[in-house]
Every structure is written in structure tokens, then in C-alpha cells.
Amino acid sequence: MSDFCDPWHKHAEKGATVPDAARFACAYELFISFEWFDEVAFFRRTETADELWTGSGGCSAHRSRKHPAPYTDVSQRATLTGIGCAYAVPPRGEEAAACLGLVARLFRARVGFYWPERFIAGGIVEKAAYQRVVRDLKRELERSEREARARETEIIRTAQELGLHPRPSGTGPDSWYANCPGKNHPLYITATAESFGCGWCKRKGGVEDLRTFVEERAKEGQR
């Protein structure tokens, strides 16, 4: 089988539930922009696939009130929302290592949007292993950021000049993101290609296109 990859659950069925055979992997807090939410991961191995399933819990305040023993009981699966399969790959190796590898892959896919923070409860993935994954990911991002800042190009300097606050995404030495002018979402910059793109606004181009984009947004704000 080929790898199935859906870390954002774009293809998840509405009202999906965690498969009965899936085992509790771990629960942790995710930082999303300005709020902390719980996420719970489950692992299922079949004859043809290793699967990582995730579901969303409440925010931190809700968890402390509703879940004194967070998500470790099978009955608590019913409290989760946004359930879906994030990955399905051919089975390989020990289950614990395979599960941890999929959790690490999930965290890496969401860099720049979600960040894994406090460990809540462990199952297949124990606290020490979780912390090691987060620590290694942070080191990778710091290394990529150093490399990116050493390779600033004209479009990065232009974004700085225009007040878009560009910063390395951490996913690679060429990858940056910045504030989309007048909006609350980011746009993305490929430094050596001297290009930017915003999927939300459906705008892309080079240095002069970025200047024009910012000027247009400024005029819209004056109306």
C-alpha cells in the first residue's frame, strides 16, 4: 500500500469515531495561535497498515473540569471531536517505535500552525519519548532558522521594509512566512526563488508583486 497522509483531517468522515481496535498512544496539549487545546492520539496495526488516529479534546480549562484522568479510559473516546486518521503506512518494526515515528511525523507536518506542548497522559508513547520528539523537533527548527537567517534575500528584506515581519518557518533554510497585509493569516515566502504566495488570498509573485499587493491592501483600508 502507498502512504495515506491527512494530518489536517481534510478527508475525515463527518462524525468519525476511533476504531475499537485502536490503542491509546498519548494525550498532549497543542498550542494554536493563542489557545491551548488537547489532542489525543491512537495507534492501530492491521495486516496491511500502521494507522495513527487523532481526536480533539477541550481546552485546558475544560479538561481540568471534565477529565480528571485525561483520556486514558476507553469510554472517554466519546468526548472527542474532529476524529480522523492522520496517517496509514505499511507496517514496519516494533509497534511502539512505529507509533512514535507517526506521532513525530504528525508534529513535523504541522510546524508553523500547531505546536505540541505539555504532555498529559501516556499509553504506547511514554512521557520521556514524547519529550524527546519535541526536543529533537525544536533543535531541527532552530538549525533551519539559523540557516535561513544567513541566507536572507531581496524579497525577505522587502517584506521587512513593508512591515510584514518575515520570519523563518523552520521547515527549511529557504522557507519563510510573514504577515499577510491587513489579514490575520500568514503568507509564505521562498527566499532563493524571490517569490511569495498566499493561498487564502490567491495571490503570488515576486518582489514587485509583493509591493503592489501591500499597496492595494493599504488603499482598501483607506476606503
Protein backbone atom coordinates (compact mmCIF):
# COMPACT_ATOMS: atom_id res chain seq x y z
CA MET A 1 0.00 0.00 0.00
CA SER A 2 1.07 3.61 -0.50
CA ASP A 3 1.21 6.03 2.41
CA PHE A 4 -2.00 7.82 3.39
CA CYS A 5 -1.31 11.29 4.79
CA ASP A 6 -4.02 13.56 6.20
CA PRO A 7 -2.64 15.42 9.27
CA TRP A 8 -5.39 18.09 8.98
CA HIS A 9 -8.24 15.56 8.61
CA LYS A 10 -9.36 17.14 5.36
CA HIS A 11 -10.62 13.75 4.19
CA ALA A 12 -12.07 12.57 7.51
CA GLU A 13 -15.67 11.40 7.52
CA LYS A 14 -18.08 13.59 9.46
CA GLY A 15 -18.80 12.02 12.83
CA ALA A 16 -15.92 9.54 12.54
CA THR A 17 -15.06 7.53 15.66
CA VAL A 18 -11.82 5.96 16.83
CA PRO A 19 -11.67 2.30 15.71
CA ASP A 20 -12.34 -0.13 18.54
CA ALA A 21 -9.02 -1.90 17.91
CA ALA A 22 -7.01 1.33 18.12
CA ARG A 23 -4.89 1.62 21.27
CA PHE A 24 -4.35 4.80 23.25
CA ALA A 25 -0.98 6.29 22.31
CA CYS A 26 -0.80 9.57 24.23
CA ALA A 27 -2.56 12.83 25.02
CA TYR A 28 -0.94 16.26 24.99
CA GLU A 29 -1.65 19.96 24.70
CA LEU A 30 -1.41 21.77 21.38
CA PHE A 31 -0.76 25.50 21.20
CA ILE A 32 -2.80 27.01 18.35
CA SER A 33 -2.21 30.76 17.83
CA PHE A 34 -3.45 31.95 21.22
CA GLU A 35 -5.10 28.96 22.89
CA TRP A 36 -4.16 25.54 24.21
CA PHE A 37 -6.24 22.51 23.23
CA ASP A 38 -5.92 18.84 23.98
CA GLU A 39 -5.23 16.28 21.29
CA VAL A 40 -5.35 12.53 21.74
CA ALA A 41 -3.51 10.04 19.52
CA PHE A 42 -4.35 6.38 18.94
CA PHE A 43 -2.46 3.66 17.11
CA ARG A 44 -3.85 0.69 15.20
CA ARG A 45 -1.87 -2.04 13.45
CA THR A 46 -3.66 -4.19 10.89
CA GLU A 47 -2.33 -6.79 8.47
CA THR A 48 -1.74 -4.08 5.87
CA ALA A 49 -1.23 -0.80 7.75
CA ASP A 50 0.01 1.08 10.77
CA GLU A 51 -2.51 3.86 11.45
CA LEU A 52 -2.36 6.97 13.61
CA TRP A 53 -5.75 8.38 14.60
CA THR A 54 -6.26 11.66 16.45
CA GLY A 55 -9.14 13.49 18.06
CA SER A 56 -9.57 16.85 19.76
CA GLY A 57 -10.44 17.33 23.41
CA GLY A 58 -11.44 20.56 25.11
CA CYS A 59 -9.27 23.49 26.02
CA SER A 60 -7.14 23.26 29.13
CA ALA A 61 -9.79 24.67 31.47
CA HIS A 62 -12.40 22.21 30.21
CA ARG A 63 -10.04 19.28 30.62
CA SER A 64 -9.28 20.00 34.25
CA ARG A 65 -13.00 20.16 34.96
CA LYS A 66 -14.25 17.26 32.84
CA HIS A 67 -11.39 14.76 32.68
CA PRO A 68 -9.64 14.09 35.99
CA ALA A 69 -7.86 11.13 34.34
CA PRO A 70 -7.37 12.52 30.84
CA TYR A 71 -8.47 10.24 28.00
CA THR A 72 -6.87 7.06 29.29
CA ASP A 73 -10.22 5.29 29.62
CA VAL A 74 -11.90 3.85 26.51
CA SER A 75 -15.22 5.47 27.49
CA GLN A 76 -13.62 8.91 27.20
CA ARG A 77 -13.20 8.49 23.45
CA ALA A 78 -16.83 9.58 23.18
CA THR A 79 -15.85 13.05 24.42
CA LEU A 80 -13.51 13.66 21.49
CA THR A 81 -14.35 15.65 18.36
CA GLY A 82 -12.71 16.07 14.97
CA ILE A 83 -11.63 12.43 14.84
CA GLY A 84 -9.80 11.14 11.80
CA CYS A 85 -6.93 9.03 10.54
CA ALA A 86 -3.82 11.19 10.16
CA TYR A 87 -1.53 8.51 8.69
CA ALA A 88 -1.69 4.98 7.36
CA VAL A 89 1.58 3.39 6.25
CA PRO A 90 2.82 -0.16 5.68
CA PRO A 91 3.52 -1.94 8.99
CA ARG A 92 7.15 -1.87 9.99
CA GLY A 93 9.16 -2.65 13.13
CA GLU A 94 8.07 -2.75 16.74
CA GLU A 95 4.66 -1.20 17.37
CA ALA A 96 5.94 1.26 19.98
CA ALA A 97 8.64 2.61 17.65
CA ALA A 98 6.22 2.71 14.71
CA CYS A 99 3.67 4.64 16.75
CA LEU A 100 6.26 7.13 17.99
CA GLY A 101 7.50 7.65 14.44
CA LEU A 102 4.00 8.55 13.25
CA VAL A 103 3.49 10.96 16.15
CA ALA A 104 6.78 12.68 15.25
CA ARG A 105 5.72 12.84 11.60
CA LEU A 106 2.42 14.44 12.63
CA PHE A 107 4.14 17.14 14.70
CA ARG A 108 6.58 17.92 11.90
CA ALA A 109 3.77 18.29 9.34
CA ARG A 110 2.07 20.98 11.43
CA VAL A 111 5.07 23.18 12.15
CA GLY A 112 4.10 26.83 11.94
CA PHE A 113 0.48 26.13 12.85
CA TYR A 114 0.28 23.82 15.88
CA TRP A 115 2.94 23.20 18.48
CA PRO A 116 2.93 20.23 20.90
CA GLU A 117 3.42 21.34 24.47
CA ARG A 118 2.55 19.80 27.84
CA PHE A 119 2.30 16.01 27.99
CA ILE A 120 -0.99 14.92 29.54
CA ALA A 121 -1.04 11.12 29.62
CA GLY A 122 0.88 8.24 28.13
CA GLY A 123 -0.01 4.87 26.66
CA ILE A 124 2.09 3.39 23.88
CA VAL A 125 4.08 6.64 23.85
CA GLU A 126 5.54 7.46 27.25
CA LYS A 127 6.39 10.92 28.53
CA ALA A 128 10.15 10.63 28.02
CA ALA A 129 9.73 9.56 24.39
CA TYR A 130 7.26 12.37 23.72
CA GLN A 131 9.62 14.94 25.23
CA ARG A 132 12.49 13.60 23.14
CA VAL A 133 10.45 14.00 19.94
CA VAL A 134 9.52 17.59 20.82
CA ARG A 135 13.09 18.42 21.83
CA ASP A 136 14.53 17.00 18.59
CA LEU A 137 11.96 18.87 16.52
CA LYS A 138 12.80 22.13 18.28
CA ARG A 139 16.50 21.61 17.53
CA GLU A 140 15.73 20.98 13.85
CA LEU A 141 13.72 24.19 13.69
CA GLU A 142 16.43 26.21 15.41
CA ARG A 143 19.03 24.88 12.96
CA SER A 144 16.81 25.68 9.97
CA GLU A 145 16.16 29.16 11.34
CA ARG A 146 19.88 29.88 11.67
CA GLU A 147 20.47 28.72 8.11
CA ALA A 148 17.56 30.78 6.80
CA ARG A 149 18.68 33.98 8.51
CA ALA A 150 22.13 33.54 6.99
CA ARG A 151 20.57 33.47 3.52
CA GLU A 152 18.23 36.49 3.52
CA THR A 153 17.37 37.66 0.01
CA GLU A 154 15.77 40.72 -1.57
CA ILE A 155 12.21 39.54 -1.01
CA ILE A 156 12.90 38.99 2.70
CA ARG A 157 14.36 42.48 3.04
CA THR A 158 11.39 43.88 1.12
CA ALA A 159 8.93 42.13 3.43
CA GLN A 160 10.78 43.63 6.39
CA GLU A 161 10.66 47.10 4.79
CA LEU A 162 6.90 46.71 4.21
CA GLY A 163 6.28 45.81 7.84
CA LEU A 164 5.23 42.21 7.21
CA HIS A 165 7.57 40.81 9.89
CA PRO A 166 9.05 37.86 7.93
CA ARG A 167 10.44 35.00 9.99
CA PRO A 168 11.84 31.58 9.12
CA SER A 169 9.24 28.84 9.12
CA GLY A 170 11.76 26.36 10.49
CA THR A 171 10.87 23.78 7.85
CA GLY A 172 13.90 24.53 5.69
CA PRO A 173 16.60 27.16 5.08
CA ASP A 174 14.63 28.60 2.15
CA SER A 175 11.20 28.72 3.77
CA TRP A 176 9.76 31.81 5.47
CA TYR A 177 6.37 33.14 6.41
CA ALA A 178 5.18 36.71 7.03
CA ASN A 179 2.02 38.61 7.90
CA CYS A 180 -0.42 38.86 5.01
CA PRO A 181 -1.14 42.61 4.71
CA GLY A 182 -4.34 43.58 6.50
CA LYS A 183 -5.26 39.98 7.37
CA ASN A 184 -4.84 37.58 10.27
CA HIS A 185 -3.24 34.75 8.33
CA PRO A 186 0.31 34.27 7.03
CA LEU A 187 1.71 34.35 3.53
CA TYR A 188 4.65 32.18 2.55
CA ILE A 189 7.97 33.17 1.04
CA THR A 190 10.54 31.06 -0.82
CA ALA A 191 13.68 33.10 -0.29
CA THR A 192 16.03 31.98 -3.08
CA ALA A 193 13.19 31.94 -5.62
CA GLU A 194 12.34 35.54 -4.57
CA SER A 195 8.67 34.56 -4.50
CA PHE A 196 5.69 34.70 -2.17
CA GLY A 197 2.26 33.10 -2.12
CA CYS A 198 -0.95 33.39 -0.12
CA GLY A 199 -3.43 30.57 -0.63
CA TRP A 200 -6.18 32.38 1.26
CA CYS A 201 -5.96 35.50 -0.93
CA LYS A 202 -4.93 33.60 -4.07
CA ARG A 203 -2.01 35.96 -4.65
CA LYS A 204 1.54 35.10 -5.61
CA GLY A 205 4.53 36.60 -7.37
CA GLY A 206 7.91 38.19 -6.88
CA VAL A 207 9.32 41.26 -5.15
CA GLU A 208 7.41 43.90 -7.12
CA ASP A 209 4.21 41.87 -6.92
CA LEU A 210 4.58 41.88 -3.14
CA ARG A 211 4.96 45.66 -3.11
CA THR A 212 1.86 46.02 -5.30
CA PHE A 213 -0.11 43.64 -3.07
CA VAL A 214 0.73 45.68 0.05
CA GLU A 215 -0.13 48.96 -1.70
CA GLU A 216 -3.51 47.60 -2.80
CA ARG A 217 -4.35 46.45 0.71
CA ALA A 218 -3.36 49.86 2.12
CA LYS A 219 -5.71 51.60 -0.33
CA GLU A 220 -8.52 49.20 0.60
CA GLY A 221 -8.02 50.09 4.26
CA GLN A 222 -8.37 53.81 3.49
CA ARG A 223 -11.79 53.43 1.88
